[in-house]
Amino acid sequence: QLQASGGGLVQAGDSLRLSCAASGRTGRFLRMGWFRQTPGKEREVVATVSWSRGSTDYADAVVGRFTISRDNAENTAYLQMHSLRPDDTAVYYCAVRLLGRSSYEIWGQGTLVTVSS
């Protein structure tokens, strides 16, 4: 199971760090990702990280502003967000893609990030 936390109300330009804690065994984790969704829009990928190697990928909209990382010892992934903008407002979800699987199948409950102008 995944437990996302760290969302809140911030002003444009502020920073925020999201956390995603995984419970249970993580030996089959391939990648962990952060996704976001706003009303009326499809969920979009924000950033992903390889659970074993730590390699990362980012959506163009967040490159240079967001950093994804993971702490294998704590079974936790983070999304550090800087220079937040109002269009970053969304519910942020963390998810896991398992070894041998082609999609993210384990999802956390979401945490709301609201950025005011």
N, C-alpha and C. Protein backbone atom coordinates (compact mmCIF):
# COMPACT_ATOMS: atom_id res chain seq x y z
N GLN A 1 0.83 -1.19 0.00
CA GLN A 1 0.00 0.00 0.00
C GLN A 1 0.87 1.25 0.00
N LEU A 2 0.32 2.31 -0.55
CA LEU A 2 1.04 3.57 -0.64
C LEU A 2 0.28 4.65 0.11
N GLN A 3 1.01 5.46 0.85
CA GLN A 3 0.41 6.54 1.62
C GLN A 3 1.08 7.84 1.21
N ALA A 4 0.34 8.68 0.51
CA ALA A 4 0.88 9.97 0.07
C ALA A 4 0.54 11.04 1.09
N SER A 5 1.46 11.99 1.25
CA SER A 5 1.24 13.09 2.18
C SER A 5 2.06 14.29 1.76
N GLY A 6 1.79 15.42 2.40
CA GLY A 6 2.58 16.61 2.18
C GLY A 6 1.91 17.71 1.39
N GLY A 7 0.72 17.45 0.88
CA GLY A 7 0.03 18.48 0.12
C GLY A 7 -0.42 19.63 1.02
N GLY A 8 -0.84 20.71 0.38
CA GLY A 8 -1.32 21.85 1.15
C GLY A 8 -1.55 23.04 0.26
N LEU A 9 -1.83 24.17 0.91
CA LEU A 9 -2.06 25.44 0.21
C LEU A 9 -0.81 26.29 0.33
N VAL A 10 -0.28 26.68 -0.82
CA VAL A 10 0.90 27.52 -0.84
C VAL A 10 0.69 28.65 -1.84
N GLN A 11 1.60 29.62 -1.81
CA GLN A 11 1.55 30.71 -2.76
C GLN A 11 2.48 30.43 -3.93
N ALA A 12 2.20 31.07 -5.04
CA ALA A 12 3.06 30.93 -6.21
C ALA A 12 4.49 31.29 -5.84
N GLY A 13 5.42 30.46 -6.29
CA GLY A 13 6.83 30.66 -5.98
C GLY A 13 7.31 29.87 -4.78
N ASP A 14 6.39 29.35 -4.00
CA ASP A 14 6.76 28.58 -2.81
C ASP A 14 7.23 27.17 -3.19
N SER A 15 7.69 26.47 -2.17
CA SER A 15 8.14 25.09 -2.33
C SER A 15 7.30 24.18 -1.44
N LEU A 16 7.28 22.91 -1.82
CA LEU A 16 6.53 21.91 -1.07
C LEU A 16 7.16 20.56 -1.35
N ARG A 17 7.13 19.68 -0.36
CA ARG A 17 7.66 18.34 -0.57
C ARG A 17 6.58 17.31 -0.27
N LEU A 18 6.33 16.47 -1.24
CA LEU A 18 5.39 15.37 -1.08
C LEU A 18 6.15 14.09 -0.72
N SER A 19 5.51 13.26 0.08
CA SER A 19 6.09 11.98 0.45
C SER A 19 5.13 10.85 0.08
N CYS A 20 5.70 9.71 -0.26
CA CYS A 20 4.90 8.52 -0.55
C CYS A 20 5.56 7.34 0.16
N ALA A 21 4.93 6.89 1.21
CA ALA A 21 5.46 5.79 2.00
C ALA A 21 4.83 4.48 1.57
N ALA A 22 5.67 3.50 1.30
CA ALA A 22 5.20 2.19 0.88
C ALA A 22 5.27 1.22 2.06
N SER A 23 4.20 0.51 2.26
CA SER A 23 4.19 -0.50 3.31
C SER A 23 4.26 -1.88 2.67
N GLY A 24 4.81 -2.81 3.40
CA GLY A 24 4.95 -4.15 2.84
C GLY A 24 6.26 -4.29 2.07
N ARG A 25 6.34 -5.39 1.35
CA ARG A 25 7.57 -5.68 0.63
C ARG A 25 7.68 -4.83 -0.64
N THR A 26 8.85 -4.37 -0.91
CA THR A 26 9.10 -3.52 -2.08
C THR A 26 10.04 -4.20 -3.06
N GLY A 27 10.34 -5.46 -2.86
CA GLY A 27 11.29 -6.16 -3.71
C GLY A 27 10.87 -6.26 -5.16
N ARG A 28 9.57 -6.12 -5.44
CA ARG A 28 9.11 -6.21 -6.81
C ARG A 28 8.85 -4.84 -7.43
N PHE A 29 9.22 -3.79 -6.72
CA PHE A 29 9.05 -2.46 -7.27
C PHE A 29 10.03 -2.23 -8.41
N LEU A 30 9.54 -1.78 -9.54
CA LEU A 30 10.39 -1.38 -10.65
C LEU A 30 10.57 0.14 -10.65
N ARG A 31 9.48 0.85 -10.67
CA ARG A 31 9.53 2.31 -10.66
C ARG A 31 8.41 2.84 -9.76
N MET A 32 8.66 4.01 -9.21
CA MET A 32 7.61 4.73 -8.50
C MET A 32 7.44 6.07 -9.20
N GLY A 33 6.21 6.49 -9.30
CA GLY A 33 5.94 7.72 -10.02
C GLY A 33 4.99 8.63 -9.26
N TRP A 34 5.06 9.89 -9.60
CA TRP A 34 4.08 10.88 -9.14
C TRP A 34 3.26 11.32 -10.34
N PHE A 35 1.98 11.37 -10.14
CA PHE A 35 1.04 11.78 -11.16
C PHE A 35 0.16 12.88 -10.57
N ARG A 36 -0.51 13.63 -11.43
CA ARG A 36 -1.43 14.64 -10.92
C ARG A 36 -2.66 14.73 -11.81
N GLN A 37 -3.73 15.20 -11.20
CA GLN A 37 -4.99 15.30 -11.93
C GLN A 37 -5.77 16.49 -11.43
N THR A 38 -6.35 17.22 -12.38
CA THR A 38 -7.25 18.31 -12.07
C THR A 38 -8.63 17.98 -12.63
N PRO A 39 -9.67 18.57 -12.08
CA PRO A 39 -11.03 18.26 -12.55
C PRO A 39 -11.18 18.47 -14.05
N GLY A 40 -11.76 17.49 -14.71
CA GLY A 40 -12.00 17.60 -16.13
C GLY A 40 -10.83 17.22 -17.00
N LYS A 41 -9.72 16.90 -16.39
CA LYS A 41 -8.54 16.52 -17.16
C LYS A 41 -8.10 15.11 -16.81
N GLU A 42 -7.40 14.50 -17.74
CA GLU A 42 -6.86 13.17 -17.47
C GLU A 42 -5.65 13.28 -16.54
N ARG A 43 -5.44 12.21 -15.82
CA ARG A 43 -4.27 12.16 -14.95
C ARG A 43 -3.00 12.17 -15.80
N GLU A 44 -2.01 12.93 -15.38
CA GLU A 44 -0.77 13.04 -16.14
C GLU A 44 0.42 12.68 -15.26
N VAL A 45 1.43 12.15 -15.90
CA VAL A 45 2.64 11.80 -15.17
C VAL A 45 3.44 13.06 -14.89
N VAL A 46 3.99 13.14 -13.71
CA VAL A 46 4.82 14.27 -13.31
C VAL A 46 6.29 13.88 -13.32
N ALA A 47 6.59 12.77 -12.64
CA ALA A 47 7.97 12.32 -12.55
C ALA A 47 7.97 10.86 -12.11
N THR A 48 8.99 10.13 -12.54
CA THR A 48 9.14 8.74 -12.11
C THR A 48 10.60 8.48 -11.75
N VAL A 49 10.80 7.48 -10.91
CA VAL A 49 12.14 7.12 -10.47
C VAL A 49 12.27 5.60 -10.43
N SER A 50 13.41 5.11 -10.88
CA SER A 50 13.71 3.69 -10.78
C SER A 50 13.94 3.34 -9.31
N TRP A 51 13.25 2.32 -8.82
CA TRP A 51 13.37 2.00 -7.39
C TRP A 51 14.77 1.49 -7.05
N SER A 52 15.39 0.76 -7.97
CA SER A 52 16.70 0.18 -7.66
C SER A 52 17.84 1.12 -8.03
N ARG A 53 17.77 1.77 -9.20
CA ARG A 53 18.90 2.55 -9.68
C ARG A 53 18.78 4.03 -9.40
N GLY A 54 17.55 4.51 -9.20
CA GLY A 54 17.37 5.92 -8.91
C GLY A 54 17.31 6.82 -10.12
N SER A 55 17.32 6.24 -11.31
CA SER A 55 17.22 7.08 -12.52
C SER A 55 15.84 7.70 -12.59
N THR A 56 15.78 8.89 -13.14
CA THR A 56 14.55 9.68 -13.09
C THR A 56 14.09 10.15 -14.47
N ASP A 57 12.81 10.42 -14.56
CA ASP A 57 12.20 11.02 -15.75
C ASP A 57 11.22 12.09 -15.27
N TYR A 58 11.09 13.15 -16.07
CA TYR A 58 10.22 14.26 -15.69
C TYR A 58 9.35 14.71 -16.87
N ALA A 59 8.17 15.17 -16.53
CA ALA A 59 7.36 15.84 -17.53
C ALA A 59 8.01 17.18 -17.86
N ASP A 60 7.85 17.61 -19.10
CA ASP A 60 8.48 18.87 -19.52
C ASP A 60 8.05 20.04 -18.64
N ALA A 61 6.81 20.00 -18.18
CA ALA A 61 6.28 21.14 -17.42
C ALA A 61 6.95 21.34 -16.07
N VAL A 62 7.65 20.31 -15.57
CA VAL A 62 8.22 20.42 -14.22
C VAL A 62 9.74 20.34 -14.23
N VAL A 63 10.34 20.15 -15.39
CA VAL A 63 11.79 20.05 -15.46
C VAL A 63 12.44 21.31 -14.89
N GLY A 64 13.40 21.10 -14.03
CA GLY A 64 14.10 22.22 -13.41
C GLY A 64 13.42 22.77 -12.18
N ARG A 65 12.19 22.34 -11.92
CA ARG A 65 11.47 22.82 -10.74
C ARG A 65 11.19 21.71 -9.73
N PHE A 66 10.93 20.51 -10.21
CA PHE A 66 10.59 19.38 -9.35
C PHE A 66 11.73 18.36 -9.36
N THR A 67 11.91 17.70 -8.24
CA THR A 67 12.90 16.63 -8.13
C THR A 67 12.26 15.43 -7.44
N ILE A 68 12.34 14.28 -8.09
CA ILE A 68 11.85 13.05 -7.48
C ILE A 68 13.03 12.27 -6.94
N SER A 69 12.84 11.65 -5.80
CA SER A 69 13.89 10.83 -5.20
C SER A 69 13.24 9.72 -4.42
N ARG A 70 14.05 8.75 -4.00
CA ARG A 70 13.52 7.67 -3.17
C ARG A 70 14.57 7.28 -2.13
N ASP A 71 14.06 6.82 -1.03
CA ASP A 71 14.90 6.34 0.06
C ASP A 71 14.52 4.88 0.25
N ASN A 72 15.36 3.99 -0.25
CA ASN A 72 15.03 2.57 -0.19
C ASN A 72 14.95 2.06 1.25
N ALA A 73 15.79 2.60 2.10
CA ALA A 73 15.79 2.15 3.50
C ALA A 73 14.48 2.50 4.20
N GLU A 74 13.90 3.64 3.80
CA GLU A 74 12.65 4.08 4.41
C GLU A 74 11.43 3.68 3.59
N ASN A 75 11.66 3.04 2.43
CA ASN A 75 10.55 2.66 1.54
C ASN A 75 9.67 3.87 1.21
N THR A 76 10.32 4.98 0.93
CA THR A 76 9.60 6.22 0.71
C THR A 76 10.16 6.94 -0.51
N ALA A 77 9.27 7.52 -1.28
CA ALA A 77 9.66 8.38 -2.39
C ALA A 77 9.20 9.80 -2.10
N TYR A 78 9.90 10.74 -2.68
CA TYR A 78 9.62 12.15 -2.43
C TYR A 78 9.48 12.89 -3.75
N LEU A 79 8.73 13.95 -3.70
CA LEU A 79 8.65 14.88 -4.82
C LEU A 79 8.88 16.28 -4.24
N GLN A 80 10.06 16.79 -4.46
CA GLN A 80 10.38 18.14 -4.01
C GLN A 80 9.98 19.11 -5.11
N MET A 81 9.13 20.05 -4.75
CA MET A 81 8.58 20.98 -5.75
C MET A 81 9.01 22.40 -5.39
N HIS A 82 9.63 23.07 -6.32
CA HIS A 82 10.04 24.47 -6.15
C HIS A 82 9.34 25.33 -7.19
N SER A 83 9.36 26.62 -6.94
CA SER A 83 8.80 27.59 -7.90
C SER A 83 7.41 27.18 -8.35
N LEU A 84 6.59 26.83 -7.39
CA LEU A 84 5.26 26.36 -7.72
C LEU A 84 4.45 27.45 -8.40
N ARG A 85 3.60 27.01 -9.31
CA ARG A 85 2.76 27.92 -10.10
C ARG A 85 1.30 27.52 -9.91
N PRO A 86 0.38 28.43 -10.16
CA PRO A 86 -1.04 28.07 -10.02
C PRO A 86 -1.44 26.87 -10.87
N ASP A 87 -0.80 26.70 -12.03
CA ASP A 87 -1.18 25.55 -12.86
C ASP A 87 -0.60 24.24 -12.35
N ASP A 88 0.14 24.27 -11.26
CA ASP A 88 0.56 23.03 -10.60
C ASP A 88 -0.52 22.53 -9.65
N THR A 89 -1.55 23.31 -9.44
CA THR A 89 -2.64 22.90 -8.57
C THR A 89 -3.29 21.64 -9.09
N ALA A 90 -3.37 20.63 -8.23
CA ALA A 90 -3.91 19.33 -8.63
C ALA A 90 -3.91 18.40 -7.43
N VAL A 91 -4.56 17.28 -7.60
CA VAL A 91 -4.39 16.18 -6.66
C VAL A 91 -3.22 15.35 -7.17
N TYR A 92 -2.26 15.14 -6.31
CA TYR A 92 -1.06 14.41 -6.68
C TYR A 92 -1.16 12.99 -6.12
N TYR A 93 -0.87 12.04 -6.97
CA TYR A 93 -0.91 10.62 -6.61
C TYR A 93 0.47 10.00 -6.80
N CYS A 94 0.80 9.09 -5.91
CA CYS A 94 1.98 8.27 -6.16
C CYS A 94 1.52 6.88 -6.57
N ALA A 95 2.36 6.22 -7.33
CA ALA A 95 2.00 4.91 -7.86
C ALA A 95 3.25 4.10 -8.11
N VAL A 96 3.07 2.81 -8.16
CA VAL A 96 4.18 1.88 -8.35
C VAL A 96 3.93 1.00 -9.55
N ARG A 97 4.99 0.83 -10.31
CA ARG A 97 4.99 -0.15 -11.39
C ARG A 97 5.85 -1.32 -10.94
N LEU A 98 5.31 -2.50 -10.99
CA LEU A 98 6.03 -3.68 -10.53
C LEU A 98 6.87 -4.29 -11.63
N LEU A 99 7.84 -5.06 -11.24
CA LEU A 99 8.67 -5.81 -12.19
C LEU A 99 7.78 -6.68 -13.08
N GLY A 100 8.05 -6.66 -14.35
CA GLY A 100 7.29 -7.49 -15.27
C GLY A 100 5.94 -6.93 -15.69
N ARG A 101 5.62 -5.76 -15.17
CA ARG A 101 4.35 -5.14 -15.51
C ARG A 101 4.61 -3.92 -16.38
N SER A 102 3.64 -3.58 -17.22
CA SER A 102 3.83 -2.48 -18.16
C SER A 102 3.17 -1.20 -17.71
N SER A 103 2.43 -1.23 -16.63
CA SER A 103 1.74 -0.01 -16.20
C SER A 103 1.82 0.12 -14.67
N TYR A 104 1.46 1.29 -14.19
CA TYR A 104 1.41 1.56 -12.76
C TYR A 104 0.10 1.01 -12.21
N GLU A 105 0.19 0.08 -11.31
CA GLU A 105 -1.00 -0.63 -10.86
C GLU A 105 -1.32 -0.44 -9.39
N ILE A 106 -0.37 0.03 -8.63
CA ILE A 106 -0.60 0.25 -7.20
C ILE A 106 -0.60 1.76 -6.98
N TRP A 107 -1.71 2.28 -6.43
CA TRP A 107 -1.89 3.72 -6.31
C TRP A 107 -2.13 4.13 -4.86
N GLY A 108 -1.58 5.28 -4.52
CA GLY A 108 -1.90 5.90 -3.24
C GLY A 108 -3.19 6.68 -3.34
N GLN A 109 -3.58 7.31 -2.23
CA GLN A 109 -4.89 7.93 -2.16
C GLN A 109 -4.93 9.37 -2.68
N GLY A 110 -3.80 9.97 -2.95
CA GLY A 110 -3.77 11.33 -3.46
C GLY A 110 -3.65 12.37 -2.36
N THR A 111 -2.95 13.42 -2.68
CA THR A 111 -2.81 14.55 -1.77
C THR A 111 -2.97 15.83 -2.57
N LEU A 112 -3.76 16.76 -2.05
CA LEU A 112 -4.11 17.96 -2.79
C LEU A 112 -3.06 19.04 -2.61
N VAL A 113 -2.61 19.58 -3.74
CA VAL A 113 -1.71 20.73 -3.75
C VAL A 113 -2.45 21.89 -4.40
N THR A 114 -2.55 22.99 -3.68
CA THR A 114 -3.21 24.18 -4.19
C THR A 114 -2.22 25.33 -4.16
N VAL A 115 -2.01 25.93 -5.32
CA VAL A 115 -1.07 27.04 -5.43
C VAL A 115 -1.86 28.30 -5.78
N SER A 116 -1.82 29.25 -4.90
CA SER A 116 -2.56 30.50 -5.13
C SER A 116 -1.65 31.53 -5.79
N SER A 117 -2.27 32.38 -6.58
CA SER A 117 -1.48 33.40 -7.31
C SER A 117 -1.30 34.66 -6.49
